[in-house]
Protein backbone atom coordinates (compact mmCIF):
# COMPACT_ATOMS: atom_id res chain seq x y z
CA MET A 1 1.52 -8.43 -49.51
CA ALA A 2 4.74 -9.84 -50.44
CA GLU A 3 5.35 -13.61 -49.37
CA ARG A 4 6.06 -14.10 -45.70
CA PRO A 5 9.88 -16.74 -45.54
CA SER A 6 8.85 -20.02 -43.19
CA LEU A 7 9.66 -19.23 -40.19
CA ASP A 8 9.11 -21.71 -36.89
CA GLU A 9 6.98 -20.83 -34.30
CA ASP A 10 9.37 -21.88 -31.88
CA ALA A 11 12.06 -18.73 -33.91
CA LEU A 12 9.74 -16.41 -33.74
CA ASP A 13 8.53 -16.98 -29.91
CA ALA A 14 12.70 -16.74 -29.14
CA TRP A 15 13.51 -13.51 -30.73
CA ARG A 16 10.41 -11.72 -29.75
CA ALA A 17 11.47 -13.01 -25.63
CA PHE A 18 15.03 -11.51 -26.72
CA LEU A 19 13.79 -8.29 -27.77
CA THR A 20 11.02 -8.35 -24.29
CA ALA A 21 13.73 -8.92 -22.59
CA HIS A 22 16.61 -6.86 -23.99
CA ALA A 23 14.16 -3.72 -23.53
CA HIS A 24 13.02 -4.85 -19.92
CA VAL A 25 16.48 -5.04 -18.53
CA THR A 26 18.03 -1.78 -19.98
CA ARG A 27 15.01 0.13 -18.60
CA ALA A 28 15.18 -1.33 -15.36
CA ILE A 29 18.56 -0.31 -15.07
CA GLY A 30 18.26 2.79 -16.43
CA ARG A 31 15.48 3.40 -13.54
CA GLU A 32 18.43 2.27 -11.62
CA LEU A 33 21.08 5.10 -12.91
CA ALA A 34 18.22 7.53 -12.30
CA ALA A 35 17.31 6.34 -8.67
CA GLU A 36 21.36 7.27 -8.17
CA GLY A 37 20.94 10.95 -9.84
CA LEU A 38 22.90 9.32 -12.86
CA PRO A 39 22.38 9.57 -16.41
CA ASP A 40 21.40 6.65 -18.61
CA LEU A 41 23.08 3.70 -20.10
CA SER A 42 24.11 4.88 -23.70
CA TRP A 43 26.42 7.33 -21.26
CA TYR A 44 27.90 4.53 -20.40
CA ASP A 45 28.79 3.00 -22.92
CA LEU A 46 29.38 6.08 -24.89
CA LEU A 47 32.06 6.08 -21.95
CA TRP A 48 33.19 2.72 -21.46
CA ALA A 49 33.81 2.53 -25.65
CA LEU A 50 36.15 5.60 -25.01
CA TYR A 51 37.98 3.47 -21.64
CA ARG A 52 38.87 0.64 -23.83
CA SER A 53 40.38 2.35 -26.57
CA PRO A 54 44.39 3.10 -27.04
CA GLY A 55 44.95 7.15 -25.38
CA ARG A 56 40.68 6.83 -24.61
CA ARG A 57 40.33 8.13 -27.75
CA LEU A 58 38.11 7.77 -31.18
CA ARG A 59 37.06 8.68 -34.53
CA VAL A 60 32.71 9.88 -34.21
CA LYS A 61 32.69 7.25 -36.53
CA ASP A 62 34.69 4.28 -34.82
CA LEU A 63 32.50 5.77 -31.88
CA ALA A 64 29.69 4.96 -33.58
CA ASP A 65 30.19 1.37 -34.27
CA GLU A 66 31.43 0.69 -30.80
CA VAL A 67 27.84 1.62 -30.00
CA VAL A 68 25.86 0.96 -32.51
CA LEU A 69 24.83 4.37 -33.91
CA SER A 70 24.90 5.95 -37.31
CA PRO A 71 27.53 9.21 -37.32
CA THR A 72 25.06 11.38 -37.28
CA ALA A 73 23.11 10.23 -34.10
CA MET A 74 26.80 9.71 -32.45
CA SER A 75 27.34 13.05 -33.18
CA ARG A 76 24.52 14.65 -32.01
CA PHE A 77 24.96 12.53 -29.03
CA VAL A 78 28.92 13.90 -28.41
CA ASP A 79 27.25 16.70 -28.90
CA ARG A 80 25.67 16.24 -25.57
CA VAL A 81 27.56 14.38 -23.34
CA ALA A 82 30.58 17.17 -24.38
CA ASP A 83 28.30 20.02 -22.73
CA ALA A 84 28.22 18.16 -19.88
CA GLY A 85 32.36 17.87 -19.58
CA TYR A 86 32.48 14.36 -19.52
CA VAL A 87 34.02 14.58 -23.49
CA ARG A 88 35.54 16.73 -25.62
CA ARG A 89 36.24 16.81 -29.23
CA GLU A 90 40.14 17.78 -30.58
CA PRO A 91 41.78 17.43 -33.93
CA HIS A 92 42.95 14.22 -35.04
CA PRO A 93 47.09 13.44 -35.43
CA GLY A 94 46.84 11.61 -38.35
CA ASP A 95 43.94 13.53 -40.65
CA ARG A 96 43.52 17.07 -40.20
CA ARG A 97 40.02 17.12 -41.48
CA ALA A 98 38.81 14.55 -38.44
CA LEU A 99 38.12 15.20 -35.45
CA GLN A 100 38.54 12.45 -32.24
CA ILE A 101 36.20 12.03 -29.55
CA ALA A 102 38.76 12.01 -25.64
CA LEU A 103 37.19 10.76 -22.63
CA THR A 104 38.15 13.63 -19.94
CA PRO A 105 38.91 12.81 -16.37
CA GLN A 106 34.95 13.84 -15.54
CA GLY A 107 34.56 11.09 -17.80
CA GLU A 108 36.43 8.47 -15.99
CA ASP A 109 34.77 9.56 -12.74
CA LEU A 110 31.01 9.91 -14.37
CA LEU A 111 32.15 6.27 -15.35
CA ARG A 112 33.06 4.39 -12.47
CA ARG A 113 30.24 6.18 -9.97
CA MET A 114 27.79 4.10 -12.80
CA TRP A 115 29.69 0.74 -12.02
CA PRO A 116 28.57 -0.31 -9.89
CA VAL A 117 24.93 0.71 -10.72
CA TYR A 118 24.79 -1.01 -13.52
CA ALA A 119 27.12 -4.26 -12.13
CA ARG A 120 24.07 -4.80 -9.98
CA GLY A 121 22.00 -4.66 -12.83
CA ILE A 122 23.40 -7.24 -14.83
CA GLU A 123 23.99 -9.60 -11.79
CA ARG A 124 20.09 -9.45 -10.78
CA HIS A 125 18.12 -8.97 -14.19
CA PHE A 126 21.07 -11.27 -16.08
CA ALA A 127 23.93 -13.03 -14.49
CA ALA A 128 21.13 -14.63 -11.59
CA VAL A 129 18.69 -15.42 -14.90
CA ALA A 130 21.66 -17.12 -17.01
CA GLY A 131 23.34 -18.97 -14.94
CA ARG A 132 25.50 -21.29 -15.88
CA SER A 133 24.59 -20.80 -19.48
CA ALA A 134 26.28 -17.60 -20.02
CA PRO A 135 29.06 -18.60 -21.74
CA ARG A 136 26.26 -20.66 -24.42
CA LEU A 137 24.40 -17.76 -24.27
CA ARG A 138 27.75 -15.00 -25.05
CA SER A 139 28.76 -17.35 -28.12
CA LEU A 140 25.08 -17.41 -29.18
CA PHE A 141 24.56 -13.74 -29.28
CA ARG A 142 28.45 -13.42 -30.62
CA ARG A 143 27.57 -15.50 -33.37
CA MET A 144 24.00 -13.31 -33.87
CA ALA A 145 25.68 -10.14 -34.54
CA ASP A 146 28.55 -11.41 -36.60
CA SER A 147 25.77 -12.37 -38.63
CA ALA A 148 24.14 -8.93 -39.07
CA ARG A 149 27.17 -6.79 -38.96
CA MET A 150 27.79 -4.54 -42.32
């Protein structure tokens, strides 16, 4: 067995707490969305990434980067969301071989219906707990994400 790097117990405990908090909070918000008859939180992430993009369109690879999925997984996910009518595939104007994913008006409507439930969950499970530490947490999480990006 390879030698394990020396990690301090506080760092390991913080790591475990971070993973546990993320899992519990996203599951709780997912349950809250389901109770309102809305799709999973991952649908919100996909729709939001498109909504805030120029022209409300992205190539599959760029959408996968935004939502942090592999392009293959994103392609399958887009199939499900497109079948429901919330996005559509379109030819990319600058590359005849490529497709882009466009947000439909139905997708914008779903995003608007999901947001109040999602916002309440963020407030209850994150913002209320983070309190005045939110700016420090944002900085910390951004540095973590940046250190792991490829």
